[in-house]
Amino acid sequence: MVQMNRNLRNIVGERHPMLMAAADQIFGAGGKKLRPMIVFLVARATANLAGMDDITERHRRLAEIIEMIHTASLVHDDVLDDCSVRRGKQTVNTMFGTRVAVLAGDFLFAQASWLIANLENLEVIKLISKVIADFANGEISQASSLFDTEVSLQQYSDKSFYKTASLIAASCRSSAVFSGMDEEQKQAMYDYGKHLGLAFQVVDDILDFTQSTEQLGKPQGQDLASGNLTAPVIFALQRSPELEQLIQSEFTEEGSLQRALALVSEAGGLDAAMELAEQEGQLARQALGGLKDCPAKRSLELMVDYVLERIH
């Protein structure tokens, strides 16, 4: 992980010194880097299953690429949402302007695509290329359904897959590809990543209501304020006509957003969303059944616990 962080910073800074300061902000903003960690754990668990002595250089490069793609998506998200703070620190667009932020995100996407091509595995190239398209699909889906109280749980799940789970699922399957796994095990690793990613997104959406601005590193209730209706809101809407009216008003009256935030909890939206997250977590655990018992497999199981326990 230490070497990966060093490599990521150099990939941006060495090619374009003007982006070095942005690179420090992008890769040094305190992120947990769960996605490359998951790549390494799947690599070790599947390598163990294949009887390999160690993971390969392609596994290591894959982890770097996945973090680059994730980070590029965050930089562009902050521009689209006009966010000034992420992880408790100023965003790239706030510090260096929208132009540099867009260029930095574009460069990361392009560089990641080039590095993926150099791994020379068509299956992985297709998997990761689809992820980048999925990001755009997720953003378009979100933008087209702002303040739409008719949005369904399935639409939310699809958007969550595009924006979060797609990358994790593809990275897990790609890691299994580089371990030489058969189709059944590659699909199992994809399923693990998919359900872990969906659980992660649902919990993230719950935290937007339950944590303070200081804990979140961004304003509380930001999604709801911007009209992005997540699982807690969708569940609460089934029981609260008042919440529906407030959302349709787009919170133009003073105090209406605070009232809506309270209604989500009062109508059981948070509890129902947590149950959904736990269901996805259980599906992720089940997908690990074909792996041999080893430290990496146990860590993948604990990763599910970690994702779900962030709520407490």
C-alpha atoms as a PDB file:
ATOM      1  CA  MET A   1       0.000   0.000   0.000  1.00  0.00           C
ATOM      2  CA  VAL A   2       2.873   2.380   0.789  1.00  0.00           C
ATOM      3  CA  GLN A   3       4.513   1.668  -2.558  1.00  0.00           C
ATOM      4  CA  MET A   4       1.186   2.074  -4.328  1.00  0.00           C
ATOM      5  CA  ASN A   5       0.646   5.525  -2.807  1.00  0.00           C
ATOM      6  CA  ARG A   6       4.130   6.584  -3.924  1.00  0.00           C
ATOM      7  CA  ASN A   7       3.528   5.284  -7.442  1.00  0.00           C
ATOM      8  CA  LEU A   8       0.172   7.046  -7.742  1.00  0.00           C
ATOM      9  CA  ARG A   9       1.632  10.408  -6.769  1.00  0.00           C
ATOM     10  CA  ASN A  10       4.491   9.997  -9.234  1.00  0.00           C
ATOM     11  CA  ILE A  11       2.194   8.977 -12.104  1.00  0.00           C
ATOM     12  CA  VAL A  12       0.532  12.402 -11.962  1.00  0.00           C
ATOM     13  CA  GLY A  13       3.415  14.578 -10.831  1.00  0.00           C
ATOM     14  CA  GLU A  14       6.247  13.262 -12.993  1.00  0.00           C
ATOM     15  CA  ARG A  15       4.313  13.682 -16.238  1.00  0.00           C
ATOM     16  CA  HIS A  16       2.806  17.044 -15.344  1.00  0.00           C
ATOM     17  CA  PRO A  17       4.602  19.014 -12.596  1.00  0.00           C
ATOM     18  CA  MET A  18       1.809  21.613 -12.636  1.00  0.00           C
ATOM     19  CA  LEU A  19      -0.474  18.873 -11.280  1.00  0.00           C
ATOM     20  CA  MET A  20       1.908  17.783  -8.503  1.00  0.00           C
ATOM     21  CA  ALA A  21       0.196  19.978  -5.914  1.00  0.00           C
ATOM     22  CA  ALA A  22      -3.156  18.663  -7.058  1.00  0.00           C
ATOM     23  CA  ALA A  23      -1.791  15.118  -6.829  1.00  0.00           C
ATOM     24  CA  ASP A  24      -0.765  15.730  -3.225  1.00  0.00           C
ATOM     25  CA  GLN A  25      -4.305  16.861  -2.481  1.00  0.00           C
ATOM     26  CA  ILE A  26      -5.926  14.011  -4.437  1.00  0.00           C
ATOM     27  CA  PHE A  27      -3.911  11.126  -3.007  1.00  0.00           C
ATOM     28  CA  GLY A  28      -3.070  12.614   0.365  1.00  0.00           C
ATOM     29  CA  ALA A  29      -6.537  13.638   1.555  1.00  0.00           C
ATOM     30  CA  GLY A  30      -6.874  10.867   4.107  1.00  0.00           C
ATOM     31  CA  GLY A  31      -8.837   8.320   2.101  1.00  0.00           C
ATOM     32  CA  LYS A  32      -8.905   4.738   3.374  1.00  0.00           C
ATOM     33  CA  LYS A  33      -8.065   3.292  -0.063  1.00  0.00           C
ATOM     34  CA  LEU A  34     -10.370   0.338   0.475  1.00  0.00           C
ATOM     35  CA  ARG A  35     -10.632  -0.487  -3.222  1.00  0.00           C
ATOM     36  CA  PRO A  36      -6.961  -1.310  -3.864  1.00  0.00           C
ATOM     37  CA  MET A  37      -6.885  -3.085  -0.507  1.00  0.00           C
ATOM     38  CA  ILE A  38      -9.741  -5.309  -1.673  1.00  0.00           C
ATOM     39  CA  VAL A  39      -7.839  -5.980  -4.919  1.00  0.00           C
ATOM     40  CA  PHE A  40      -4.821  -7.152  -2.911  1.00  0.00           C
ATOM     41  CA  LEU A  41      -6.945  -9.350  -0.632  1.00  0.00           C
ATOM     42  CA  VAL A  42      -8.802 -11.006  -3.527  1.00  0.00           C
ATOM     43  CA  ALA A  43      -5.454 -11.457  -5.272  1.00  0.00           C
ATOM     44  CA  ARG A  44      -3.981 -13.233  -2.252  1.00  0.00           C
ATOM     45  CA  ALA A  45      -7.084 -15.341  -1.592  1.00  0.00           C
ATOM     46  CA  THR A  46      -7.370 -16.513  -5.203  1.00  0.00           C
ATOM     47  CA  ALA A  47      -3.603 -16.984  -5.546  1.00  0.00           C
ATOM     48  CA  ASN A  48      -3.804 -19.232  -2.492  1.00  0.00           C
ATOM     49  CA  LEU A  49      -6.599 -21.202  -4.153  1.00  0.00           C
ATOM     50  CA  ALA A  50      -4.474 -21.540  -7.308  1.00  0.00           C
ATOM     51  CA  GLY A  51      -1.403 -22.697  -5.357  1.00  0.00           C
ATOM     52  CA  MET A  52       0.630 -19.606  -6.288  1.00  0.00           C
ATOM     53  CA  ASP A  53       3.501 -18.507  -4.044  1.00  0.00           C
ATOM     54  CA  ASP A  54       2.691 -14.790  -4.298  1.00  0.00           C
ATOM     55  CA  ILE A  55       0.565 -12.295  -6.148  1.00  0.00           C
ATOM     56  CA  THR A  56       1.824 -10.992  -9.484  1.00  0.00           C
ATOM     57  CA  GLU A  57       3.003  -7.641 -10.754  1.00  0.00           C
ATOM     58  CA  ARG A  58      -0.244  -7.388 -12.725  1.00  0.00           C
ATOM     59  CA  HIS A  59      -2.219  -7.672  -9.468  1.00  0.00           C
ATOM     60  CA  ARG A  60      -0.186  -4.780  -8.047  1.00  0.00           C
ATOM     61  CA  ARG A  61      -0.657  -2.652 -11.130  1.00  0.00           C
ATOM     62  CA  LEU A  62      -4.395  -3.396 -11.108  1.00  0.00           C
ATOM     63  CA  ALA A  63      -4.682  -2.019  -7.560  1.00  0.00           C
ATOM     64  CA  GLU A  64      -3.050   1.248  -8.652  1.00  0.00           C
ATOM     65  CA  ILE A  65      -5.332   1.538 -11.676  1.00  0.00           C
ATOM     66  CA  ILE A  66      -8.468   0.953  -9.600  1.00  0.00           C
ATOM     67  CA  GLU A  67      -7.503   3.696  -7.146  1.00  0.00           C
ATOM     68  CA  MET A  68      -6.747   6.071 -10.025  1.00  0.00           C
ATOM     69  CA  ILE A  69     -10.170   5.483 -11.559  1.00  0.00           C
ATOM     70  CA  HIS A  70     -11.938   5.893  -8.216  1.00  0.00           C
ATOM     71  CA  THR A  71     -10.047   9.097  -7.461  1.00  0.00           C
ATOM     72  CA  ALA A  72     -10.733  10.511 -10.924  1.00  0.00           C
ATOM     73  CA  SER A  73     -14.447   9.916 -10.368  1.00  0.00           C
ATOM     74  CA  LEU A  74     -14.308  11.753  -7.019  1.00  0.00           C
ATOM     75  CA  VAL A  75     -12.540  14.748  -8.546  1.00  0.00           C
ATOM     76  CA  HIS A  76     -15.176  14.995 -11.269  1.00  0.00           C
ATOM     77  CA  ASP A  77     -18.007  14.415  -8.752  1.00  0.00           C
ATOM     78  CA  ASP A  78     -16.776  17.373  -6.712  1.00  0.00           C
ATOM     79  CA  VAL A  79     -16.828  19.575  -9.806  1.00  0.00           C
ATOM     80  CA  LEU A  80     -20.334  18.431 -10.801  1.00  0.00           C
ATOM     81  CA  ASP A  81     -21.687  18.887  -7.261  1.00  0.00           C
ATOM     82  CA  ASP A  82     -19.675  22.070  -6.592  1.00  0.00           C
ATOM     83  CA  CYS A  83     -18.314  20.496  -3.393  1.00  0.00           C
ATOM     84  CA  SER A  84     -15.793  22.497  -1.405  1.00  0.00           C
ATOM     85  CA  VAL A  85     -14.900  19.840   1.189  1.00  0.00           C
ATOM     86  CA  ARG A  86     -14.173  16.105   1.001  1.00  0.00           C
ATOM     87  CA  ARG A  87     -12.735  13.948   3.798  1.00  0.00           C
ATOM     88  CA  GLY A  88     -12.511  17.097   5.889  1.00  0.00           C
ATOM     89  CA  LYS A  89     -10.207  18.873   3.433  1.00  0.00           C
ATOM     90  CA  GLN A  90     -10.686  21.325   0.601  1.00  0.00           C
ATOM     91  CA  THR A  91     -11.407  19.735  -2.763  1.00  0.00           C
ATOM     92  CA  VAL A  92      -9.147  20.115  -5.784  1.00  0.00           C
ATOM     93  CA  ASN A  93     -11.660  22.384  -7.524  1.00  0.00           C
ATOM     94  CA  THR A  94     -11.746  24.667  -4.478  1.00  0.00           C
ATOM     95  CA  MET A  95      -7.968  24.887  -4.167  1.00  0.00           C
ATOM     96  CA  PHE A  96      -6.932  24.958  -7.827  1.00  0.00           C
ATOM     97  CA  GLY A  97     -10.091  25.822  -9.751  1.00  0.00           C
ATOM     98  CA  THR A  98     -12.496  23.865 -11.917  1.00  0.00           C
ATOM     99  CA  ARG A  99     -10.161  23.826 -14.925  1.00  0.00           C
ATOM    100  CA  VAL A 100      -7.321  22.053 -13.106  1.00  0.00           C
ATOM    101  CA  ALA A 101      -9.762  19.678 -11.384  1.00  0.00           C
ATOM    102  CA  VAL A 102     -11.371  18.609 -14.664  1.00  0.00           C
ATOM    103  CA  LEU A 103      -7.972  18.191 -16.336  1.00  0.00           C
ATOM    104  CA  ALA A 104      -6.634  16.193 -13.381  1.00  0.00           C
ATOM    105  CA  GLY A 105      -9.652  13.877 -13.469  1.00  0.00           C
ATOM    106  CA  ASP A 106      -9.399  13.491 -17.243  1.00  0.00           C
ATOM    107  CA  PHE A 107      -5.689  12.724 -16.997  1.00  0.00           C
ATOM    108  CA  LEU A 108      -6.273  10.045 -14.349  1.00  0.00           C
ATOM    109  CA  PHE A 109      -8.984   8.367 -16.421  1.00  0.00           C
ATOM    110  CA  ALA A 110      -6.796   8.456 -19.538  1.00  0.00           C
ATOM    111  CA  GLN A 111      -3.693   7.223 -17.736  1.00  0.00           C
ATOM    112  CA  ALA A 112      -5.654   4.421 -16.081  1.00  0.00           C
ATOM    113  CA  SER A 113      -6.987   3.339 -19.473  1.00  0.00           C
ATOM    114  CA  TRP A 114      -3.459   3.294 -20.906  1.00  0.00           C
ATOM    115  CA  LEU A 115      -2.137   1.226 -18.002  1.00  0.00           C
ATOM    116  CA  ILE A 116      -5.038  -1.236 -18.307  1.00  0.00           C
ATOM    117  CA  ALA A 117      -4.304  -1.675 -22.014  1.00  0.00           C
ATOM    118  CA  ASN A 118      -0.683  -2.456 -21.164  1.00  0.00           C
ATOM    119  CA  LEU A 119      -1.770  -5.356 -18.963  1.00  0.00           C
ATOM    120  CA  GLU A 120      -2.754  -7.015 -22.257  1.00  0.00           C
ATOM    121  CA  ASN A 121      -5.743  -8.972 -20.999  1.00  0.00           C
ATOM    122  CA  LEU A 122      -8.864  -8.450 -23.101  1.00  0.00           C
ATOM    123  CA  GLU A 123     -11.275  -9.611 -20.384  1.00  0.00           C
ATOM    124  CA  VAL A 124      -9.883  -7.087 -17.900  1.00  0.00           C
ATOM    125  CA  ILE A 125      -9.805  -4.315 -20.504  1.00  0.00           C
ATOM    126  CA  LYS A 126     -13.515  -4.896 -21.195  1.00  0.00           C
ATOM    127  CA  LEU A 127     -14.377  -5.031 -17.487  1.00  0.00           C
ATOM    128  CA  ILE A 128     -12.656  -1.772 -16.585  1.00  0.00           C
ATOM    129  CA  SER A 129     -13.809   0.046 -19.726  1.00  0.00           C
ATOM    130  CA  LYS A 130     -17.397  -0.738 -18.782  1.00  0.00           C
ATOM    131  CA  VAL A 131     -16.806   0.703 -15.307  1.00  0.00           C
ATOM    132  CA  ILE A 132     -15.842   4.085 -16.748  1.00  0.00           C
ATOM    133  CA  ALA A 133     -19.031   4.067 -18.837  1.00  0.00           C
ATOM    134  CA  ASP A 134     -20.999   3.040 -15.735  1.00  0.00           C
ATOM    135  CA  PHE A 135     -19.767   6.142 -13.885  1.00  0.00           C
ATOM    136  CA  ALA A 136     -21.299   8.325 -16.572  1.00  0.00           C
ATOM    137  CA  ASN A 137     -24.522   6.297 -16.510  1.00  0.00           C
ATOM    138  CA  GLY A 138     -24.758   6.752 -12.753  1.00  0.00           C
ATOM    139  CA  GLU A 139     -24.266  10.511 -12.930  1.00  0.00           C
ATOM    140  CA  ILE A 140     -26.847  10.846 -15.720  1.00  0.00           C
ATOM    141  CA  SER A 141     -29.358   8.694 -13.782  1.00  0.00           C
ATOM    142  CA  GLN A 142     -28.846  10.812 -10.688  1.00  0.00           C
ATOM    143  CA  ALA A 143     -29.143  14.110 -12.538  1.00  0.00           C
ATOM    144  CA  SER A 144     -32.355  13.016 -14.259  1.00  0.00           C
ATOM    145  CA  SER A 145     -34.125  12.027 -11.026  1.00  0.00           C
ATOM    146  CA  LEU A 146     -33.380  14.916  -8.653  1.00  0.00           C
ATOM    147  CA  PHE A 147     -36.301  15.668  -6.298  1.00  0.00           C
ATOM    148  CA  ASP A 148     -38.290  12.878  -7.995  1.00  0.00           C
ATOM    149  CA  THR A 149     -40.367  11.312  -5.212  1.00  0.00           C
ATOM    150  CA  GLU A 150     -41.458   8.542  -7.595  1.00  0.00           C
ATOM    151  CA  VAL A 151     -37.937   7.130  -7.826  1.00  0.00           C
ATOM    152  CA  SER A 152     -37.968   3.393  -7.067  1.00  0.00           C
ATOM    153  CA  LEU A 153     -35.674   1.272  -4.952  1.00  0.00           C
ATOM    154  CA  GLN A 154     -34.607  -0.560  -8.128  1.00  0.00           C
ATOM    155  CA  GLN A 155     -33.619   2.712  -9.781  1.00  0.00           C
ATOM    156  CA  TYR A 156     -31.626   3.596  -6.668  1.00  0.00           C
ATOM    157  CA  SER A 157     -29.943   0.176  -6.709  1.00  0.00           C
ATOM    158  CA  ASP A 158     -29.044   0.541 -10.393  1.00  0.00           C
ATOM    159  CA  LYS A 159     -27.573   3.993  -9.798  1.00  0.00           C
ATOM    160  CA  SER A 160     -25.620   2.711  -6.779  1.00  0.00           C
ATOM    161  CA  PHE A 161     -24.225  -0.105  -8.889  1.00  0.00           C
ATOM    162  CA  TYR A 162     -23.104   2.294 -11.606  1.00  0.00           C
ATOM    163  CA  LYS A 163     -21.544   4.807  -9.218  1.00  0.00           C
ATOM    164  CA  THR A 164     -19.999   2.519  -6.589  1.00  0.00           C
ATOM    165  CA  ALA A 165     -20.406  -1.241  -6.942  1.00  0.00           C
ATOM    166  CA  SER A 166     -19.405  -1.579 -10.597  1.00  0.00           C
ATOM    167  CA  LEU A 167     -15.780  -0.606  -9.931  1.00  0.00           C
ATOM    168  CA  ILE A 168     -15.426  -2.879  -6.899  1.00  0.00           C
ATOM    169  CA  ALA A 169     -17.064  -5.825  -8.690  1.00  0.00           C
ATOM    170  CA  ALA A 170     -14.910  -5.436 -11.806  1.00  0.00           C
ATOM    171  CA  SER A 171     -11.728  -5.068  -9.765  1.00  0.00           C
ATOM    172  CA  CYS A 172     -12.464  -8.238  -7.784  1.00  0.00           C
ATOM    173  CA  ARG A 173     -13.137 -10.243 -10.934  1.00  0.00           C
ATOM    174  CA  SER A 174     -10.052  -8.784 -12.639  1.00  0.00           C
ATOM    175  CA  SER A 175      -7.935  -9.795  -9.674  1.00  0.00           C
ATOM    176  CA  ALA A 176      -9.289 -13.354  -9.974  1.00  0.00           C
ATOM    177  CA  VAL A 177      -8.509 -13.300 -13.717  1.00  0.00           C
ATOM    178  CA  PHE A 178      -4.844 -12.578 -12.980  1.00  0.00           C
ATOM    179  CA  SER A 179      -4.808 -15.546 -10.572  1.00  0.00           C
ATOM    180  CA  GLY A 180      -5.994 -17.840 -13.379  1.00  0.00           C
ATOM    181  CA  MET A 181      -9.370 -18.650 -11.804  1.00  0.00           C
ATOM    182  CA  ASP A 182     -12.126 -20.514 -13.669  1.00  0.00           C
ATOM    183  CA  GLU A 183     -15.409 -18.851 -14.631  1.00  0.00           C
ATOM    184  CA  GLU A 184     -17.249 -19.961 -11.489  1.00  0.00           C
ATOM    185  CA  GLN A 185     -14.675 -18.410  -9.156  1.00  0.00           C
ATOM    186  CA  LYS A 186     -14.334 -15.248 -11.254  1.00  0.00           C
ATOM    187  CA  GLN A 187     -18.112 -14.776 -11.063  1.00  0.00           C
ATOM    188  CA  ALA A 188     -18.054 -15.397  -7.312  1.00  0.00           C
ATOM    189  CA  MET A 189     -15.454 -12.665  -6.852  1.00  0.00           C
ATOM    190  CA  TYR A 190     -17.511 -10.328  -9.049  1.00  0.00           C
ATOM    191  CA  ASP A 191     -20.565 -11.057  -6.891  1.00  0.00           C
ATOM    192  CA  TYR A 192     -18.564 -10.372  -3.728  1.00  0.00           C
ATOM    193  CA  GLY A 193     -17.477  -6.983  -5.045  1.00  0.00           C
ATOM    194  CA  LYS A 194     -20.938  -6.116  -6.312  1.00  0.00           C
ATOM    195  CA  HIS A 195     -22.735  -6.833  -3.043  1.00  0.00           C
ATOM    196  CA  LEU A 196     -19.978  -5.318  -0.913  1.00  0.00           C
ATOM    197  CA  GLY A 197     -20.167  -2.175  -3.058  1.00  0.00           C
ATOM    198  CA  LEU A 198     -23.937  -1.944  -2.744  1.00  0.00           C
ATOM    199  CA  ALA A 199     -23.721  -2.404   1.038  1.00  0.00           C
ATOM    200  CA  PHE A 200     -21.036   0.281   1.163  1.00  0.00           C
ATOM    201  CA  GLN A 201     -23.200   2.753  -0.762  1.00  0.00           C
ATOM    202  CA  VAL A 202     -26.299   2.143   1.364  1.00  0.00           C
ATOM    203  CA  VAL A 203     -24.275   2.654   4.560  1.00  0.00           C
ATOM    204  CA  ASP A 204     -22.731   5.812   3.096  1.00  0.00           C
ATOM    205  CA  ASP A 205     -26.232   7.094   2.425  1.00  0.00           C
ATOM    206  CA  ILE A 206     -27.293   6.320   5.999  1.00  0.00           C
ATOM    207  CA  LEU A 207     -24.254   8.141   7.398  1.00  0.00           C
ATOM    208  CA  ASP A 208     -25.316  11.249   5.477  1.00  0.00           C
ATOM    209  CA  PHE A 209     -28.207  11.443   7.970  1.00  0.00           C
ATOM    210  CA  THR A 210     -26.639  10.141  11.176  1.00  0.00           C
ATOM    211  CA  GLN A 211     -23.181  11.708  11.347  1.00  0.00           C
ATOM    212  CA  SER A 212     -22.216  15.288  12.010  1.00  0.00           C
ATOM    213  CA  THR A 213     -20.635  17.555   9.426  1.00  0.00           C
ATOM    214  CA  GLU A 214     -17.291  17.116  11.233  1.00  0.00           C
ATOM    215  CA  GLN A 215     -17.526  13.315  11.093  1.00  0.00           C
ATOM    216  CA  LEU A 216     -18.624  13.254   7.461  1.00  0.00           C
ATOM    217  CA  GLY A 217     -16.074  15.737   6.231  1.00  0.00           C
ATOM    218  CA  LYS A 218     -18.913  17.367   4.276  1.00  0.00           C
ATOM    219  CA  PRO A 219     -22.245  19.036   5.165  1.00  0.00           C
ATOM    220  CA  GLN A 220     -24.815  16.705   6.758  1.00  0.00           C
ATOM    221  CA  GLY A 221     -27.816  15.915   4.576  1.00  0.00           C
ATOM    222  CA  GLN A 222     -26.077  17.165   1.459  1.00  0.00           C
ATOM    223  CA  ASP A 223     -27.608  14.486  -0.786  1.00  0.00           C
ATOM    224  CA  LEU A 224     -31.166  15.258   0.285  1.00  0.00           C
ATOM    225  CA  ALA A 225     -30.567  19.005   0.057  1.00  0.00           C
ATOM    226  CA  SER A 226     -29.458  18.607  -3.567  1.00  0.00           C
ATOM    227  CA  GLY A 227     -32.434  16.373  -4.428  1.00  0.00           C
ATOM    228  CA  ASN A 228     -30.506  13.097  -4.592  1.00  0.00           C
ATOM    229  CA  LEU A 229     -32.968  10.657  -2.992  1.00  0.00           C
ATOM    230  CA  THR A 230     -31.164   7.689  -1.430  1.00  0.00           C
ATOM    231  CA  ALA A 231     -32.347   4.466   0.236  1.00  0.00           C
ATOM    232  CA  PRO A 232     -33.319   6.002   3.617  1.00  0.00           C
ATOM    233  CA  VAL A 233     -35.460   8.612   1.866  1.00  0.00           C
ATOM    234  CA  ILE A 234     -37.058   6.125  -0.533  1.00  0.00           C
ATOM    235  CA  PHE A 235     -38.081   3.875   2.373  1.00  0.00           C
ATOM    236  CA  ALA A 236     -39.336   6.836   4.450  1.00  0.00           C
ATOM    237  CA  LEU A 237     -41.410   8.173   1.553  1.00  0.00           C
ATOM    238  CA  GLN A 238     -43.554   5.025   1.748  1.00  0.00           C
ATOM    239  CA  ARG A 239     -44.785   6.170   5.172  1.00  0.00           C
ATOM    240  CA  SER A 240     -44.575   9.956   5.168  1.00  0.00           C
ATOM    241  CA  PRO A 241     -46.720  12.171   2.888  1.00  0.00           C
ATOM    242  CA  GLU A 242     -45.232  15.199   4.651  1.00  0.00           C
ATOM    243  CA  LEU A 243     -41.734  14.195   3.542  1.00  0.00           C
ATOM    244  CA  GLU A 244     -42.967  13.888  -0.042  1.00  0.00           C
ATOM    245  CA  GLN A 245     -44.383  17.426   0.078  1.00  0.00           C
ATOM    246  CA  LEU A 246     -41.174  18.857   1.500  1.00  0.00           C
ATOM    247  CA  ILE A 247     -39.049  17.226  -1.192  1.00  0.00           C
ATOM    248  CA  GLN A 248     -41.362  18.408  -3.957  1.00  0.00           C
ATOM    249  CA  SER A 249     -41.029  21.949  -2.598  1.00  0.00           C
ATOM    250  CA  GLU A 250     -37.240  21.575  -2.995  1.00  0.00           C
ATOM    251  CA  PHE A 251     -36.801  22.931   0.576  1.00  0.00           C
ATOM    252  CA  THR A 252     -37.523  26.527  -0.325  1.00  0.00           C
ATOM    253  CA  GLU A 253     -38.969  27.349   3.117  1.00  0.00           C
ATOM    254  CA  GLU A 254     -36.687  27.984   6.076  1.00  0.00           C
ATOM    255  CA  GLY A 255     -36.307  24.907   8.280  1.00  0.00           C
ATOM    256  CA  SER A 256     -37.850  22.556   5.710  1.00  0.00           C
ATOM    257  CA  LEU A 257     -34.629  20.611   5.113  1.00  0.00           C
ATOM    258  CA  GLN A 258     -34.118  20.040   8.845  1.00  0.00           C
ATOM    259  CA  ARG A 259     -37.699  18.822   9.142  1.00  0.00           C
ATOM    260  CA  ALA A 260     -37.187  16.441   6.206  1.00  0.00           C
ATOM    261  CA  LEU A 261     -34.025  15.030   7.778  1.00  0.00           C
ATOM    262  CA  ALA A 262     -35.948  14.324  10.983  1.00  0.00           C
ATOM    263  CA  LEU A 263     -38.828  12.698   9.091  1.00  0.00           C
ATOM    264  CA  VAL A 264     -36.504  10.215   7.382  1.00  0.00           C
ATOM    265  CA  SER A 265     -35.602   8.810  10.797  1.00  0.00           C
ATOM    266  CA  GLU A 266     -39.118   9.053  12.258  1.00  0.00           C
ATOM    267  CA  ALA A 267     -40.624   7.168   9.299  1.00  0.00           C
ATOM    268  CA  GLY A 268     -38.188   4.260   9.700  1.00  0.00           C
ATOM    269  CA  GLY A 269     -36.100   5.050   6.647  1.00  0.00           C
ATOM    270  CA  LEU A 270     -32.762   4.560   8.388  1.00  0.00           C
ATOM    271  CA  ASP A 271     -33.721   1.199   9.921  1.00  0.00           C
ATOM    272  CA  ALA A 272     -35.046  -0.125   6.609  1.00  0.00           C
ATOM    273  CA  ALA A 273     -31.925   1.018   4.783  1.00  0.00           C
ATOM    274  CA  MET A 274     -29.697  -0.691   7.351  1.00  0.00           C
ATOM    275  CA  GLU A 275     -31.597  -3.924   6.822  1.00  0.00           C
ATOM    276  CA  LEU A 276     -30.962  -3.583   3.083  1.00  0.00           C
ATOM    277  CA  ALA A 277     -27.246  -3.031   3.699  1.00  0.00           C
ATOM    278  CA  GLU A 278     -27.080  -6.130   5.895  1.00  0.00           C
ATOM    279  CA  GLN A 279     -28.793  -8.207   3.184  1.00  0.00           C
ATOM    280  CA  GLU A 280     -26.192  -7.090   0.656  1.00  0.00           C
ATOM    281  CA  GLY A 281     -23.427  -7.830   3.149  1.00  0.00           C
ATOM    282  CA  GLN A 282     -24.705 -11.368   3.665  1.00  0.00           C
ATOM    283  CA  LEU A 283     -24.712 -11.965  -0.100  1.00  0.00           C
ATOM    284  CA  ALA A 284     -21.105 -10.743  -0.229  1.00  0.00           C
ATOM    285  CA  ARG A 285     -20.096 -13.212   2.498  1.00  0.00           C
ATOM    286  CA  GLN A 286     -21.805 -16.074   0.674  1.00  0.00           C
ATOM    287  CA  ALA A 287     -19.786 -15.346  -2.463  1.00  0.00           C
ATOM    288  CA  LEU A 288     -16.566 -16.187  -0.579  1.00  0.00           C
ATOM    289  CA  GLY A 289     -17.635 -19.798   0.022  1.00  0.00           C
ATOM    290  CA  GLY A 290     -15.413 -21.270  -2.690  1.00  0.00           C
ATOM    291  CA  LEU A 291     -12.165 -19.843  -1.296  1.00  0.00           C
ATOM    292  CA  LYS A 292      -9.804 -21.808   0.942  1.00  0.00           C
ATOM    293  CA  ASP A 293      -9.511 -20.652   4.527  1.00  0.00           C
ATOM    294  CA  CYS A 294      -6.563 -18.258   4.704  1.00  0.00           C
ATOM    295  CA  PRO A 295      -5.780 -14.841   6.206  1.00  0.00           C
ATOM    296  CA  ALA A 296      -6.868 -13.058   3.009  1.00  0.00           C
ATOM    297  CA  LYS A 297     -10.263 -14.793   2.981  1.00  0.00           C
ATOM    298  CA  ARG A 298     -10.820 -13.921   6.640  1.00  0.00           C
ATOM    299  CA  SER A 299      -9.907 -10.314   5.890  1.00  0.00           C
ATOM    300  CA  LEU A 300     -12.427 -10.225   3.034  1.00  0.00           C
ATOM    301  CA  GLU A 301     -15.087 -11.475   5.483  1.00  0.00           C
ATOM    302  CA  LEU A 302     -14.025  -8.821   7.985  1.00  0.00           C
ATOM    303  CA  MET A 303     -14.238  -6.202   5.246  1.00  0.00           C
ATOM    304  CA  VAL A 304     -17.991  -6.858   5.119  1.00  0.00           C
ATOM    305  CA  ASP A 305     -18.188  -6.362   8.887  1.00  0.00           C
ATOM    306  CA  TYR A 306     -16.192  -3.152   8.607  1.00  0.00           C
ATOM    307  CA  VAL A 307     -18.487  -1.735   5.932  1.00  0.00           C
ATOM    308  CA  LEU A 308     -21.608  -2.494   7.968  1.00  0.00           C
ATOM    309  CA  GLU A 309     -20.207  -1.388  11.320  1.00  0.00           C
ATOM    310  CA  ARG A 310     -19.355   2.104  10.090  1.00  0.00           C
ATOM    311  CA  ILE A 311     -22.934   2.930  10.983  1.00  0.00           C
ATOM    312  CA  HIS A 312     -22.381   2.401  14.721  1.00  0.00           C
END
